Protein backbone atom coordinates (compact mmCIF):
# COMPACT_ATOMS: atom_id res chain seq x y z
CA MET A 1 0.00 0.00 0.00
CA ALA A 2 1.28 3.42 -0.89
CA ASN A 3 2.18 5.89 1.84
CA ILE A 4 2.15 8.97 -0.37
CA LYS A 5 -1.16 10.79 -0.52
CA SER A 6 -1.00 11.50 -4.25
CA GLN A 7 -0.22 7.87 -5.00
CA ILE A 8 -3.18 6.71 -2.89
CA LYS A 9 -5.42 8.98 -4.97
CA ARG A 10 -3.81 7.75 -8.19
CA ASN A 11 -4.54 4.14 -7.16
CA ARG A 12 -8.20 5.01 -6.52
CA GLN A 13 -8.46 6.67 -9.94
CA ASN A 14 -6.81 3.71 -11.63
CA ASP A 15 -9.25 1.30 -9.99
CA LYS A 16 -12.23 3.36 -11.18
CA ARG A 17 -10.88 3.57 -14.73
CA HIS A 18 -10.07 -0.14 -14.73
CA GLU A 19 -13.66 -1.05 -13.85
CA ARG A 20 -15.10 1.36 -16.40
CA ASN A 21 -12.77 0.16 -19.17
CA LYS A 22 -13.48 -3.48 -18.31
CA ALA A 23 -17.20 -2.84 -18.76
CA VAL A 24 -16.60 -1.22 -22.16
CA ARG A 25 -14.39 -4.10 -23.34
CA SER A 26 -17.03 -6.59 -22.27
CA GLU A 27 -19.66 -4.62 -24.16
CA LEU A 28 -17.50 -4.71 -27.29
CA ASN A 29 -17.34 -8.50 -27.14
CA THR A 30 -21.10 -8.69 -26.66
CA HIS A 31 -21.82 -6.55 -29.71
CA GLU A 32 -19.39 -8.56 -31.85
CA LYS A 33 -20.95 -11.87 -30.78
CA ARG A 34 -24.44 -10.52 -31.46
CA ALA A 35 -23.52 -9.57 -35.04
CA VAL A 36 -21.97 -12.97 -35.74
CA SER A 37 -24.85 -14.89 -34.19
CA LEU A 38 -27.39 -12.95 -36.27
CA ALA A 39 -25.44 -13.79 -39.42
CA GLU A 40 -25.28 -17.47 -38.46
CA ALA A 41 -29.02 -17.50 -37.79
CA GLY A 42 -29.65 -16.22 -41.30
CA GLU A 43 -30.94 -12.82 -40.20
CA ASP A 44 -29.71 -9.43 -41.37
CA PRO A 45 -26.65 -8.47 -39.27
CA THR A 46 -26.21 -5.01 -40.81
CA GLU A 47 -27.57 -3.02 -37.88
CA ALA A 48 -25.58 -5.08 -35.36
CA MET A 49 -22.45 -4.64 -37.48
CA ILE A 50 -22.87 -0.86 -37.56
CA ILE A 51 -23.33 -0.73 -33.78
CA ALA A 52 -20.33 -2.97 -33.15
CA GLN A 53 -18.08 -0.95 -35.46
CA ARG A 54 -19.27 2.32 -33.93
CA ARG A 55 -18.52 1.05 -30.42
CA LEU A 56 -15.07 -0.13 -31.49
CA ASP A 57 -14.30 3.29 -32.95
CA MET A 58 -15.56 4.99 -29.79
CA ALA A 59 -13.42 2.79 -27.57
CA ALA A 60 -10.38 3.55 -29.72
CA SER A 61 -11.01 7.29 -29.63
CA LYS A 62 -11.36 7.19 -25.83
CA GLY A 63 -8.09 5.28 -25.48
CA ILE A 64 -9.68 2.12 -24.09
CA ILE A 65 -8.26 0.04 -26.93
CA HIS A 66 -5.53 0.86 -29.44
CA PRO A 67 -6.74 2.25 -32.79
CA ASN A 68 -4.98 -0.57 -34.65
CA GLN A 69 -6.76 -3.11 -32.48
CA ALA A 70 -10.09 -1.49 -33.33
CA ALA A 71 -9.28 -1.65 -37.04
CA ARG A 72 -8.18 -5.29 -36.78
CA ARG A 73 -11.30 -6.30 -34.85
CA LYS A 74 -13.59 -4.51 -37.31
CA SER A 75 -11.91 -6.28 -40.22
CA ARG A 76 -12.12 -9.69 -38.57
CA LEU A 77 -15.73 -9.10 -37.58
CA ALA A 78 -16.63 -8.24 -41.19
CA GLN A 79 -14.90 -11.42 -42.39
CA ARG A 80 -16.69 -13.59 -39.81
CA VAL A 81 -20.09 -12.09 -40.60
CA GLU A 82 -19.54 -12.44 -44.34
CA GLY A 83 -18.42 -16.04 -43.91
CA ALA A 84 -21.38 -16.88 -41.68
CA SER A 85 -23.83 -15.22 -44.08
CA ALA A 86 -22.41 -17.08 -47.09
CA GLY A 87 -22.24 -20.45 -45.35
């Protein structure tokens, strides 16, 4: 445990940010899975894809994930949805 007052505050802030970022990352996974499952079920995944891509871009702009990671995940999501729709 830190003895310095500023470091104690920094630890509290880090814990809050960690919980908030964890929730956003979990939400990203949920939106990606929803888009893929809709495509596999034979339904139209366009709306779910748009939401998932928008959330990925938002997370990247807020610094929760790296911009390259957002781009990679969007690309892979598009490939998975296209493959599920075709198959």
